[in-house]
Amino acid sequence: MTTTALDFERCYRAVSTRDARFDGQFITAVRTTGIYCRPSCPAITPKRANVSFLPTAAAAQQAGYRACRRCLPDAAPGSPLWNVRADLAARAMRLIGDGAIERDGVPGLAAALGYSSRQLTRVLTTELGAGPLALARAHRAHTARLLIQTTSMPMSDIAFAAGFASIRQFNDTVREVFAVTPTVLRTETRTGPRSDIVTPGVLTLRLPYREPLDVAWLTWFLSSHTVAGMETFEDGVYRRALATPHGHAVIALSFAPGHVRAELSLVDMRDLAPVVARVRHLLDLDADPLGVDEVLGMSPGIRVPGSVDGSELLLRTMIGQQISVRAASTHTARLVGALGVPVGRGLQSRVGEGDLAVVATDSGAGGTQALAGRVRERGVRHVDKRALEDERGRSDVGRAALADERGGSGERGGDSAALAHGGGTLSTDQVAANGLRLFPTAAVIAERGREVLVGPARRIDAIVEAARALADGSLVIHAARPAAELRAELLALRGVGPWTADYVTMRAVADPDILLDTDLVVRRGAELAGVDLRDTARFAPWRSYLSMHLWRTALLPREENQ
């Protein structure tokens, strides 16, 4: 979509009917007021002659428009186009959302995409109406607005968390985008009671999505893929530890109408935007479910689960090849237990040195209760059902799940938060009690994996070689990789067949059109659903979602598929 490719009539109809399905897909800029809105803005529909439509908020800001403080256009789910499109602009948007410019600047972003800074700026300006710096600025403004309006964090801490280089830059950006100072922006929204429960050590956010959302499917997928020592799914809440650009984090996710409640414990608040981006990718929250359902006509709201770390995804998938579900779970948990770093260690050292500690707050009565510095204390559990048999075109995830149904062995065949400084460290006993660990880094697995991994020597060799490639940078897996290029590189690895390459590519880069047609469970689901896997062209470009639907049909209880 270029800045001139938006269909004016289609966009204006969406604005006239306040169609929320288009929120996040384009921006309405109103010349007479100088503001930009989401399509579903409740304000009076502007006259045709007074509006123009732009692909991004950054383009509107570049043109001198300020954000509507009534409809909050930046609070809409992200554009589903970045998942469907595989071009440079879409891949750049994924990395910008992950904080690449704040970490590496425009040269680093361009290098990751294989272009020069000048080429990248030219393409983004043509396609999206704004260059990389303006797009990153719009993303920082969104993060700042979210924290200003939904937390009691000091403004200086918000500037730091949102990625601004200085308080002055933060103040200037907020004034330019929202036409008020940060203090006024907070005052305007400090009304009404807060409903979030106080949780020590947690920043709580609400992450919007486009309805419908197949919660039963995501619940099944997350709960059946947890790794003991690293993640858990209990009482409808998915928790895990994950590495971040500046440290690590613990996330707790639960589903609610219209949003996912995300409780985040961060070592470094600069990781807020990257963690949110990875959670959205994990749960496929920026998908266009109505567009998918229009083509598939099955399982409304189905999502394709992504990942929070591409290297972890590949190594976990390889560990689960050609063994039973129970063995895969045991092997992965053993690896995490032996080589994974307890998350409390990082929190203890960083917080103890006086760095920022995340604390929760409840301002329901107008007050703020700040409770310093402890990451959420929860144990974890896992069962990995990703045992595959690539070379025979069959997946043990399906075989094991079907065996479990028969009782067999499954063998082969927020809204409210604040910050405080210092204090609040975790003791050694608390770390041990938590049991939360990070998945081992590729470098550690390459060096020490043979000490822990068990099974056929060829499989261990393949895992260690893949870890070495990830560690030395000869293989890079992130959400902005071109799907075909990544798949080819994966197939070049020893021990990686077509199923693993397709599965990892589908989840790592959110490719919407990969059909796992050699998968045993997909085939069984196709039989149950009456889908001919030899003729799936009509399901393009949503065949990844078709694969998930067929898995769902075969694996979930019958009542869940009605």
Protein backbone atom coordinates (compact mmCIF):
# COMPACT_ATOMS: atom_id res chain seq x y z
CA MET A 1 0.00 0.00 0.00
CA THR A 2 1.51 3.30 -1.06
CA THR A 3 0.34 6.69 0.10
CA THR A 4 -1.65 6.98 -3.14
CA ALA A 5 -3.02 3.43 -3.19
CA LEU A 6 -5.71 3.90 -0.55
CA ASP A 7 -9.19 3.64 -2.06
CA PHE A 8 -10.87 6.92 -1.09
CA GLU A 9 -14.44 5.63 -1.46
CA ARG A 10 -13.77 2.47 0.54
CA CYS A 11 -12.04 4.45 3.27
CA TYR A 12 -14.77 7.08 3.41
CA ARG A 13 -17.49 4.42 3.69
CA ALA A 14 -15.61 2.91 6.64
CA VAL A 15 -15.39 6.33 8.30
CA SER A 16 -19.06 7.13 7.59
CA THR A 17 -20.18 3.88 9.24
CA ARG A 18 -17.52 4.08 11.99
CA ASP A 19 -16.39 0.58 11.03
CA ALA A 20 -13.96 -0.54 13.73
CA ARG A 21 -12.69 -3.36 11.50
CA PHE A 22 -10.56 -0.78 9.70
CA ASP A 23 -8.97 0.68 12.83
CA GLY A 24 -5.21 0.49 12.44
CA GLN A 25 -5.42 -0.06 8.68
CA PHE A 26 -5.45 3.61 7.72
CA ILE A 27 -5.61 7.08 9.24
CA THR A 28 -8.22 9.78 8.59
CA ALA A 29 -6.68 13.27 8.43
CA VAL A 30 -9.14 16.18 8.73
CA ARG A 31 -7.82 19.37 7.19
CA THR A 32 -10.28 21.75 8.88
CA THR A 33 -9.40 20.62 12.40
CA GLY A 34 -5.79 19.57 11.87
CA ILE A 35 -6.32 16.24 13.63
CA TYR A 36 -6.06 12.62 12.55
CA CYS A 37 -8.41 9.86 13.71
CA ARG A 38 -9.09 6.17 13.51
CA PRO A 39 -11.95 5.14 11.14
CA SER A 40 -14.33 4.40 14.03
CA CYS A 41 -13.92 7.81 15.69
CA PRO A 42 -17.27 8.79 17.28
CA ALA A 43 -16.92 12.42 16.19
CA ILE A 44 -19.15 13.85 13.45
CA THR A 45 -18.16 12.46 10.07
CA PRO A 46 -16.12 15.11 8.25
CA LYS A 47 -17.08 16.28 4.77
CA ARG A 48 -15.44 14.51 1.86
CA ALA A 49 -13.68 17.67 0.75
CA ASN A 50 -12.01 18.03 4.14
CA VAL A 51 -10.44 14.59 4.56
CA SER A 52 -7.51 12.65 3.24
CA PHE A 53 -6.48 9.11 4.09
CA LEU A 54 -2.96 8.09 5.06
CA PRO A 55 -1.41 4.67 5.72
CA THR A 56 0.28 5.49 9.05
CA ALA A 57 0.09 7.85 11.99
CA ALA A 58 3.65 8.86 11.22
CA ALA A 59 2.56 10.10 7.80
CA ALA A 60 -0.16 12.20 9.43
CA GLN A 61 2.31 13.63 11.93
CA GLN A 62 4.75 14.41 9.14
CA ALA A 63 1.97 16.34 7.40
CA GLY A 64 1.41 18.42 10.54
CA TYR A 65 -1.67 16.72 11.97
CA ARG A 66 -2.08 15.97 15.68
CA ALA A 67 -3.71 12.89 17.20
CA CYS A 68 -7.38 12.92 18.16
CA ARG A 69 -7.58 12.67 21.93
CA ARG A 70 -11.11 11.32 21.70
CA CYS A 71 -10.59 8.21 19.58
CA LEU A 72 -6.85 7.71 20.31
CA PRO A 73 -5.90 6.39 16.85
CA ASP A 74 -2.60 4.97 18.09
CA ALA A 75 -4.44 2.70 20.55
CA ALA A 76 -5.95 0.59 17.75
CA PRO A 77 -4.50 -2.85 16.95
CA GLY A 78 -1.61 -2.72 14.51
CA SER A 79 -2.18 -2.99 10.79
CA PRO A 80 -2.65 -6.58 9.58
CA LEU A 81 -0.91 -5.55 6.37
CA TRP A 82 2.49 -5.99 8.02
CA ASN A 83 1.70 -9.71 8.36
CA VAL A 84 0.27 -10.19 4.87
CA ARG A 85 2.92 -8.15 3.09
CA ALA A 86 6.47 -9.43 2.81
CA ASP A 87 8.01 -6.35 1.20
CA LEU A 88 10.66 -4.05 2.64
CA ALA A 89 8.17 -1.62 4.19
CA ALA A 90 6.35 -4.37 6.08
CA ARG A 91 9.58 -5.95 7.33
CA ALA A 92 10.87 -2.56 8.43
CA MET A 93 7.69 -1.89 10.40
CA ARG A 94 8.14 -5.14 12.32
CA LEU A 95 11.67 -4.20 13.36
CA ILE A 96 10.71 -0.61 14.19
CA GLY A 97 7.98 -1.96 16.46
CA ASP A 98 10.62 -4.13 18.15
CA GLY A 99 12.70 -1.05 18.97
CA ALA A 100 15.44 -1.54 16.36
CA ILE A 101 15.98 2.18 15.75
CA GLU A 102 16.26 2.96 19.46
CA ARG A 103 18.91 0.23 19.79
CA ASP A 104 20.82 0.45 16.51
CA GLY A 105 19.71 3.62 14.72
CA VAL A 106 18.64 3.86 11.09
CA PRO A 107 21.95 2.37 9.83
CA GLY A 108 21.43 -0.70 12.02
CA LEU A 109 17.83 -1.09 10.84
CA ALA A 110 18.88 -0.75 7.21
CA ALA A 111 21.70 -3.27 7.64
CA ALA A 112 19.34 -5.81 9.21
CA LEU A 113 17.11 -5.46 6.15
CA GLY A 114 19.97 -5.58 3.65
CA TYR A 115 19.60 -2.01 2.36
CA SER A 116 21.40 1.29 2.70
CA SER A 117 19.92 3.98 4.94
CA ARG A 118 19.13 6.11 1.90
CA GLN A 119 17.35 3.28 0.08
CA LEU A 120 15.34 2.40 3.16
CA THR A 121 14.27 5.99 3.77
CA ARG A 122 13.22 6.42 0.16
CA VAL A 123 11.11 3.24 0.12
CA LEU A 124 9.41 3.94 3.45
CA THR A 125 8.62 7.53 2.51
CA THR A 126 7.08 6.37 -0.77
CA GLU A 127 5.16 3.46 0.71
CA LEU A 128 4.15 4.77 4.13
CA GLY A 129 4.40 8.53 3.86
CA ALA A 130 7.20 8.80 6.42
CA GLY A 131 10.82 7.79 6.84
CA PRO A 132 12.20 5.43 9.51
CA LEU A 133 12.91 8.16 12.07
CA ALA A 134 9.36 9.52 11.79
CA LEU A 135 7.89 6.02 12.05
CA ALA A 136 9.97 5.33 15.17
CA ARG A 137 8.95 8.69 16.61
CA ALA A 138 5.27 7.82 16.11
CA HIS A 139 5.86 4.51 17.87
CA ARG A 140 7.54 6.26 20.80
CA ALA A 141 4.65 8.72 20.99
CA HIS A 142 2.20 5.82 21.18
CA THR A 143 4.15 4.17 24.01
CA ALA A 144 4.42 7.47 25.85
CA ARG A 145 0.71 8.20 25.51
CA LEU A 146 -0.14 4.73 26.80
CA LEU A 147 2.04 5.15 29.90
CA ILE A 148 0.97 8.75 30.54
CA GLN A 149 -2.72 7.92 30.45
CA THR A 150 -2.71 4.53 32.13
CA THR A 151 0.03 4.71 34.75
CA SER A 152 1.32 6.89 37.56
CA MET A 153 4.93 6.69 36.39
CA PRO A 154 6.97 9.90 36.68
CA MET A 155 7.28 11.65 33.32
CA SER A 156 11.05 11.23 33.33
CA ASP A 157 10.64 7.47 33.64
CA ILE A 158 8.05 7.42 30.87
CA ALA A 159 10.46 9.25 28.57
CA PHE A 160 13.09 6.59 29.31
CA ALA A 161 10.69 3.67 28.87
CA ALA A 162 9.27 5.01 25.59
CA GLY A 163 12.73 5.30 24.07
CA PHE A 164 13.26 9.06 24.00
CA ALA A 165 16.83 10.33 24.15
CA SER A 166 15.98 13.26 26.43
CA ILE A 167 13.19 14.80 28.48
CA ARG A 168 13.10 17.72 26.06
CA GLN A 169 12.59 15.40 23.10
CA PHE A 170 9.81 13.64 25.01
CA ASN A 171 8.04 16.90 25.90
CA ASP A 172 8.35 18.30 22.38
CA THR A 173 7.02 15.12 20.77
CA VAL A 174 4.00 14.86 23.06
CA ARG A 175 3.13 18.51 22.46
CA GLU A 176 3.47 18.16 18.70
CA VAL A 177 1.51 14.91 18.42
CA PHE A 178 -1.23 15.55 20.99
CA ALA A 179 -1.23 19.38 21.11
CA VAL A 180 -0.93 19.39 24.92
CA THR A 181 1.83 18.89 27.46
CA PRO A 182 2.35 15.46 29.05
CA THR A 183 0.91 16.76 32.34
CA VAL A 184 -2.28 17.99 30.67
CA LEU A 185 -2.59 14.73 28.73
CA ARG A 186 -2.48 12.81 32.00
CA THR A 187 -4.91 15.17 33.75
CA GLU A 188 -7.45 14.80 30.95
CA THR A 189 -7.68 11.05 31.49
CA ARG A 190 -7.37 10.76 35.27
CA THR A 191 -11.05 10.17 35.78
CA GLY A 192 -13.07 7.17 36.92
CA PRO A 193 -12.11 4.20 39.08
CA ARG A 194 -9.44 1.70 38.20
CA SER A 195 -10.41 -1.95 38.12
CA ASP A 196 -7.00 -3.63 37.90
CA ILE A 197 -5.90 -5.71 40.86
CA VAL A 198 -2.72 -4.65 42.62
CA THR A 199 0.15 -7.02 41.87
CA PRO A 200 3.61 -6.39 43.30
CA GLY A 201 6.34 -6.05 40.69
CA VAL A 202 4.06 -5.88 37.65
CA LEU A 203 3.23 -3.33 34.98
CA THR A 204 -0.25 -4.11 33.64
CA LEU A 205 -1.37 -3.17 30.13
CA ARG A 206 -4.33 -3.93 27.92
CA LEU A 207 -3.37 -5.05 24.42
CA PRO A 208 -6.27 -4.62 21.97
CA TYR A 209 -7.11 -7.06 19.19
CA ARG A 210 -9.66 -7.29 16.41
CA GLU A 211 -12.58 -9.47 17.31
CA PRO A 212 -13.44 -12.27 17.07
CA LEU A 213 -10.61 -14.10 18.82
CA ASP A 214 -10.58 -17.89 19.14
CA VAL A 215 -9.56 -18.00 22.79
CA ALA A 216 -10.13 -21.75 23.04
CA TRP A 217 -7.54 -22.38 20.32
CA LEU A 218 -4.89 -20.09 21.77
CA THR A 219 -5.52 -21.50 25.23
CA TRP A 220 -5.02 -25.04 23.98
CA PHE A 221 -1.91 -24.14 22.01
CA LEU A 222 -0.21 -22.25 24.83
CA SER A 223 -1.12 -24.75 27.53
CA SER A 224 0.11 -27.73 25.50
CA HIS A 225 3.45 -26.16 24.62
CA THR A 226 4.72 -24.92 27.98
CA VAL A 227 8.25 -25.83 29.10
CA ALA A 228 8.83 -26.73 32.75
CA GLY A 229 11.16 -24.26 34.39
CA MET A 230 10.44 -21.49 31.90
CA GLU A 231 6.69 -21.12 31.39
CA THR A 232 3.32 -22.21 32.76
CA PHE A 233 -0.37 -22.08 31.96
CA GLU A 234 -2.52 -22.06 35.08
CA ASP A 235 -6.03 -20.76 35.74
CA GLY A 236 -6.27 -19.19 32.32
CA VAL A 237 -2.99 -17.28 32.68
CA TYR A 238 0.07 -17.96 30.52
CA ARG A 239 3.38 -17.01 32.13
CA ARG A 240 6.93 -17.23 30.94
CA ALA A 241 10.39 -15.75 31.22
CA LEU A 242 12.05 -14.36 28.11
CA ALA A 243 15.27 -12.66 27.11
CA THR A 244 15.01 -9.03 26.01
CA PRO A 245 17.44 -6.64 24.28
CA HIS A 246 18.54 -5.12 27.61
CA GLY A 247 18.02 -8.01 30.03
CA HIS A 248 14.99 -10.20 30.55
CA ALA A 249 11.33 -10.12 31.53
CA VAL A 250 8.50 -12.18 32.97
CA ILE A 251 5.13 -11.91 31.23
CA ALA A 252 1.69 -13.08 32.34
CA LEU A 253 -1.09 -13.04 29.73
CA SER A 254 -4.83 -13.61 30.08
CA PHE A 255 -7.72 -13.10 27.70
CA ALA A 256 -10.58 -10.63 28.11
CA PRO A 257 -13.21 -9.25 25.70
CA GLY A 258 -11.50 -6.94 23.23
CA HIS A 259 -8.05 -7.13 24.80
CA VAL A 260 -5.35 -9.28 26.33
CA ARG A 261 -4.34 -8.38 29.86
CA ALA A 262 -0.55 -8.33 29.92
CA GLU A 263 1.32 -8.20 33.22
CA LEU A 264 4.96 -7.38 32.54
CA SER A 265 7.93 -7.53 34.90
CA LEU A 266 10.93 -5.91 33.22
CA VAL A 267 14.55 -5.59 34.29
CA ASP A 268 14.99 -2.57 32.01
CA MET A 269 12.05 -0.35 31.06
CA ARG A 270 13.61 0.31 27.64
CA ASP A 271 12.40 -3.20 26.82
CA LEU A 272 8.73 -2.29 27.24
CA ALA A 273 8.01 -1.66 23.53
CA PRO A 274 9.94 -4.74 22.31
CA VAL A 275 8.19 -6.99 24.83
CA VAL A 276 4.76 -5.67 23.86
CA ALA A 277 5.62 -6.21 20.18
CA ARG A 278 6.69 -9.80 20.88
CA VAL A 279 3.55 -10.55 22.87
CA ARG A 280 1.42 -9.23 20.03
CA HIS A 281 3.41 -11.41 17.62
CA LEU A 282 3.09 -14.47 19.87
CA LEU A 283 -0.71 -14.17 20.00
CA ASP A 284 -1.15 -12.82 16.44
CA LEU A 285 -3.09 -9.86 17.85
CA ASP A 286 -2.75 -7.71 14.73
CA ALA A 287 -4.45 -10.26 12.48
CA ASP A 288 -7.51 -9.43 10.38
CA PRO A 289 -9.89 -12.22 11.51
CA LEU A 290 -12.77 -11.08 9.34
CA GLY A 291 -10.57 -11.09 6.26
CA VAL A 292 -9.38 -14.59 7.14
CA ASP A 293 -12.87 -15.86 7.93
CA GLU A 294 -14.22 -14.45 4.67
CA VAL A 295 -11.88 -16.78 2.77
CA LEU A 296 -11.79 -19.81 5.08
CA GLY A 297 -15.34 -19.77 6.42
CA MET A 298 -14.29 -21.86 9.43
CA SER A 299 -13.14 -21.39 13.05
CA PRO A 300 -13.95 -17.66 13.41
CA GLY A 301 -11.09 -15.76 15.00
CA ILE A 302 -8.45 -18.47 14.51
CA ARG A 303 -4.91 -17.20 15.08
CA VAL A 304 -1.47 -18.46 14.06
CA PRO A 305 0.67 -18.39 17.22
CA GLY A 306 4.00 -16.68 16.65
CA SER A 307 7.04 -16.70 18.91
CA VAL A 308 8.91 -14.40 21.27
CA ASP A 309 12.33 -15.59 20.09
CA GLY A 310 13.19 -17.12 16.72
CA SER A 311 16.30 -18.95 17.92
CA GLU A 312 14.38 -20.56 20.76
CA LEU A 313 11.63 -21.60 18.36
CA LEU A 314 14.03 -23.42 16.04
CA LEU A 315 15.97 -25.17 18.79
CA ARG A 316 12.85 -26.27 20.65
CA THR A 317 11.39 -27.62 17.43
CA MET A 318 14.55 -29.60 16.68
CA ILE A 319 14.73 -30.98 20.22
CA GLY A 320 11.21 -32.35 19.79
CA GLN A 321 11.89 -34.25 16.58
CA GLN A 322 11.35 -38.00 16.41
CA ILE A 323 10.65 -38.59 20.10
CA SER A 324 7.55 -38.90 22.22
CA VAL A 325 5.76 -35.97 23.78
CA ARG A 326 6.89 -36.96 27.26
CA ALA A 327 10.49 -37.39 26.15
CA ALA A 328 10.49 -34.04 24.34
CA SER A 329 9.13 -32.36 27.44
CA THR A 330 11.76 -33.99 29.62
CA HIS A 331 14.64 -33.13 27.29
CA THR A 332 13.65 -29.49 26.88
CA ALA A 333 13.04 -29.02 30.60
CA ARG A 334 16.38 -30.64 31.37
CA LEU A 335 18.12 -28.24 29.00
CA VAL A 336 16.42 -25.22 30.58
CA GLY A 337 17.17 -26.46 34.08
CA ALA A 338 20.84 -27.13 33.37
CA LEU A 339 21.77 -24.22 31.12
CA GLY A 340 19.04 -21.60 31.53
CA VAL A 341 19.75 -18.56 33.72
CA PRO A 342 17.32 -17.94 36.63
CA VAL A 343 15.55 -14.66 35.95
CA GLY A 344 15.87 -13.53 39.56
CA ARG A 345 19.64 -13.18 39.24
CA GLY A 346 19.36 -10.35 36.76
CA LEU A 347 16.61 -8.67 38.72
CA GLN A 348 18.55 -8.91 41.94
CA SER A 349 21.72 -7.33 40.58
CA ARG A 350 20.05 -4.61 38.53
CA VAL A 351 17.54 -3.52 41.15
CA GLY A 352 20.02 -3.79 43.96
CA GLU A 353 22.27 -1.32 42.16
CA GLY A 354 19.53 1.30 42.22
CA ASP A 355 18.11 0.83 38.74
CA LEU A 356 14.43 1.22 38.00
CA ALA A 357 12.24 -1.43 39.58
CA VAL A 358 8.78 -2.13 38.22
CA VAL A 359 5.99 -1.80 40.77
CA ALA A 360 2.24 -2.08 40.52
CA THR A 361 -0.27 0.50 41.58
CA ASP A 362 -4.00 0.77 42.12
CA SER A 363 -5.37 4.26 41.60
CA GLY A 364 -9.00 3.18 41.87
CA ALA A 365 -9.64 5.56 44.74
CA GLY A 366 -7.48 8.28 43.27
CA GLY A 367 -4.42 7.23 45.22
CA THR A 368 -1.31 5.34 44.16
CA GLN A 369 0.14 2.47 46.12
CA ALA A 370 3.70 1.79 44.97
CA LEU A 371 5.12 -1.56 45.95
CA ALA A 372 8.77 -1.76 44.99
CA GLY A 373 10.57 -4.22 43.00
CA ARG A 374 9.73 -7.91 42.96
CA VAL A 375 9.11 -9.96 39.91
CA ARG A 376 5.98 -12.09 40.09
CA GLU A 377 6.54 -15.30 41.98
CA ARG A 378 5.09 -18.30 40.19
CA GLY A 379 6.29 -21.80 39.43
CA VAL A 380 6.13 -23.22 35.93
CA ARG A 381 5.18 -26.29 34.01
CA HIS A 382 5.61 -27.53 30.47
CA VAL A 383 4.76 -30.24 28.01
CA ASP A 384 6.19 -29.81 24.49
CA LYS A 385 4.19 -31.53 21.76
CA ARG A 386 6.45 -30.57 18.88
CA ALA A 387 8.03 -33.92 18.08
CA LEU A 388 8.41 -34.17 14.35
CA GLU A 389 9.39 -36.67 11.69
CA ASP A 390 10.39 -34.37 8.87
CA GLU A 391 12.00 -36.78 6.50
CA ARG A 392 8.87 -38.93 6.31
CA GLY A 393 6.60 -35.92 5.97
CA ARG A 394 4.86 -36.55 9.30
CA SER A 395 4.72 -34.59 12.53
CA ASP A 396 4.87 -36.23 15.91
CA VAL A 397 2.96 -33.31 17.39
CA GLY A 398 -0.01 -34.81 15.66
CA ARG A 399 0.96 -38.41 16.21
CA ALA A 400 1.59 -37.88 19.90
CA ALA A 401 -1.58 -35.89 20.39
CA LEU A 402 -3.63 -38.57 18.66
CA ALA A 403 -1.90 -41.25 20.71
CA ASP A 404 -2.74 -39.32 23.86
CA GLU A 405 -6.41 -39.30 22.80
CA ARG A 406 -6.28 -43.09 22.64
CA GLY A 407 -4.35 -43.33 25.88
CA GLY A 408 -1.19 -44.40 24.07
CA SER A 409 2.38 -43.42 24.69
CA GLY A 410 2.66 -40.99 21.82
CA GLU A 411 5.88 -42.61 20.60
CA ARG A 412 7.14 -41.87 17.10
CA GLY A 413 4.58 -42.79 14.42
CA GLY A 414 -3.21 -2.37 32.05
CA ASP A 415 -3.96 -0.11 32.83
CA SER A 416 -2.39 0.99 36.07
CA ALA A 417 1.26 0.97 37.07
CA ALA A 418 4.12 2.99 38.49
CA LEU A 419 7.87 2.93 38.97
CA ALA A 420 10.08 3.25 42.02
CA HIS A 421 13.85 3.55 42.36
CA GLY A 422 16.07 1.04 44.10
CA GLY A 423 15.20 -1.46 46.81
CA GLY A 424 13.23 -4.67 46.49
CA THR A 425 15.72 -7.40 45.58
CA LEU A 426 15.00 -11.09 45.27
CA SER A 427 16.71 -13.39 47.72
CA THR A 428 18.43 -16.61 46.66
CA ASP A 429 15.63 -18.58 48.29
CA GLN A 430 13.03 -16.66 46.32
CA VAL A 431 14.86 -17.34 43.08
CA ALA A 432 14.95 -21.04 43.86
CA ALA A 433 11.28 -21.01 44.83
CA ASN A 434 10.30 -19.29 41.58
CA GLY A 435 12.14 -21.72 39.35
CA LEU A 436 11.77 -19.32 36.42
CA ARG A 437 14.61 -19.59 33.97
CA LEU A 438 15.41 -18.23 30.53
CA PHE A 439 15.76 -20.57 27.59
CA PRO A 440 19.52 -21.06 27.15
CA THR A 441 21.21 -18.84 24.60
CA ALA A 442 22.34 -20.36 21.33
CA ALA A 443 25.96 -19.75 22.33
CA VAL A 444 25.55 -21.72 25.55
CA ILE A 445 23.83 -24.61 23.76
CA ALA A 446 26.56 -24.64 21.12
CA GLU A 447 29.21 -24.86 23.84
CA ARG A 448 27.55 -27.10 26.42
CA GLY A 449 24.56 -28.68 24.73
CA ARG A 450 26.22 -32.07 24.38
CA GLU A 451 26.53 -32.25 28.18
CA VAL A 452 22.75 -32.11 28.58
CA LEU A 453 21.04 -33.26 25.39
CA VAL A 454 20.29 -36.96 25.05
CA GLY A 455 19.22 -39.08 22.11
CA PRO A 456 20.73 -40.10 18.80
CA ALA A 457 24.14 -38.57 18.16
CA ARG A 458 23.04 -37.27 14.76
CA ARG A 459 20.18 -35.31 16.28
CA ILE A 460 22.37 -33.83 19.01
CA ASP A 461 24.94 -32.88 16.38
CA ALA A 462 22.24 -31.16 14.32
CA ILE A 463 20.96 -29.19 17.31
CA VAL A 464 24.45 -28.09 18.33
CA GLU A 465 25.30 -27.10 14.75
CA ALA A 466 22.10 -25.06 14.47
CA ALA A 467 22.90 -23.37 17.79
CA ARG A 468 26.40 -22.57 16.55
CA ALA A 469 24.99 -21.00 13.38
CA LEU A 470 22.61 -18.89 15.45
CA ALA A 471 25.37 -17.88 17.86
CA ASP A 472 27.87 -16.79 15.21
CA GLY A 473 25.26 -14.92 13.19
CA SER A 474 25.40 -17.07 10.07
CA LEU A 475 21.72 -17.84 10.71
CA VAL A 476 19.46 -15.04 11.90
CA ILE A 477 15.79 -15.56 12.74
CA HIS A 478 13.58 -12.57 13.39
CA ALA A 479 10.15 -11.36 12.34
CA ALA A 480 11.47 -9.23 9.47
CA ARG A 481 13.25 -12.01 7.56
CA PRO A 482 11.86 -12.73 4.06
CA ALA A 483 10.00 -16.03 4.42
CA ALA A 484 11.41 -17.75 1.33
CA GLU A 485 14.96 -16.74 2.24
CA LEU A 486 14.64 -17.98 5.82
CA ARG A 487 13.06 -21.27 4.72
CA ALA A 488 15.93 -21.92 2.31
CA GLU A 489 18.51 -21.25 5.02
CA LEU A 490 16.72 -23.57 7.43
CA LEU A 491 16.58 -26.37 4.86
CA ALA A 492 20.34 -26.05 4.43
CA LEU A 493 20.82 -27.05 8.07
CA ARG A 494 21.53 -30.66 8.91
CA GLY A 495 18.51 -32.30 10.54
CA VAL A 496 15.96 -29.78 9.28
CA GLY A 497 13.40 -31.08 6.81
CA PRO A 498 10.48 -29.38 5.04
CA TRP A 499 8.09 -29.65 7.99
CA THR A 500 10.43 -27.98 10.46
CA ALA A 501 11.42 -25.29 7.95
CA ASP A 502 7.78 -24.50 7.18
CA TYR A 503 6.67 -24.59 10.80
CA VAL A 504 9.48 -22.33 12.04
CA THR A 505 9.05 -19.90 9.14
CA MET A 506 5.30 -19.72 9.66
CA ARG A 507 5.64 -18.83 13.34
CA ALA A 508 8.85 -16.78 13.26
CA VAL A 509 7.95 -14.33 10.48
CA ALA A 510 4.15 -14.59 10.65
CA ASP A 511 3.89 -15.81 7.07
CA PRO A 512 0.11 -16.18 6.59
CA ASP A 513 0.24 -18.56 3.62
CA ILE A 514 2.16 -21.71 4.62
CA LEU A 515 0.25 -24.97 4.38
CA LEU A 516 1.60 -27.79 6.55
CA ASP A 517 0.19 -30.35 4.14
CA THR A 518 2.57 -33.16 5.17
CA ASP A 519 1.51 -32.91 8.80
CA LEU A 520 -0.34 -35.96 10.10
CA VAL A 521 -2.84 -33.96 12.14
CA VAL A 522 -3.46 -31.47 9.33
CA ARG A 523 -4.31 -34.43 7.12
CA ARG A 524 -6.66 -35.89 9.69
CA GLY A 525 -8.29 -32.49 10.19
CA ALA A 526 -8.70 -32.14 6.43
CA GLU A 527 -10.54 -35.45 6.32
CA LEU A 528 -12.85 -34.38 9.14
CA ALA A 529 -13.46 -30.95 7.58
CA GLY A 530 -13.83 -32.22 4.03
CA VAL A 531 -10.88 -30.17 2.74
CA ASP A 532 -8.93 -31.46 -0.28
CA LEU A 533 -5.28 -30.65 0.46
CA ARG A 534 -4.46 -31.07 -3.24
CA ASP A 535 -6.61 -28.06 -4.06
CA THR A 536 -6.03 -25.22 -1.61
CA ALA A 537 -5.36 -22.29 -3.94
CA ARG A 538 -8.73 -20.80 -3.02
CA PHE A 539 -7.54 -20.40 0.57
CA ALA A 540 -4.60 -18.14 -0.35
CA PRO A 541 -3.17 -16.02 1.19
CA TRP A 542 -4.39 -17.55 4.45
CA ARG A 543 -3.16 -21.14 4.32
CA SER A 544 -1.26 -20.83 7.60
CA TYR A 545 -4.62 -20.10 9.20
CA LEU A 546 -6.06 -23.08 7.33
CA SER A 547 -3.34 -25.26 8.88
CA MET A 548 -4.29 -24.01 12.34
CA HIS A 549 -7.97 -24.64 11.66
CA LEU A 550 -7.26 -28.22 10.61
CA TRP A 551 -5.11 -28.78 13.68
CA ARG A 552 -7.92 -27.39 15.76
CA THR A 553 -10.46 -29.66 14.11
CA ALA A 554 -8.39 -32.76 14.82
CA LEU A 555 -7.05 -31.96 18.28
CA LEU A 556 -9.57 -29.97 20.27
CA PRO A 557 -12.57 -31.63 21.92
CA ARG A 558 -15.57 -31.83 19.63
CA GLU A 559 -17.58 -29.33 21.67
CA GLU A 560 -14.80 -26.76 21.22
CA ASN A 561 -15.09 -27.07 17.44
CA GLN A 562 -18.79 -26.27 17.31
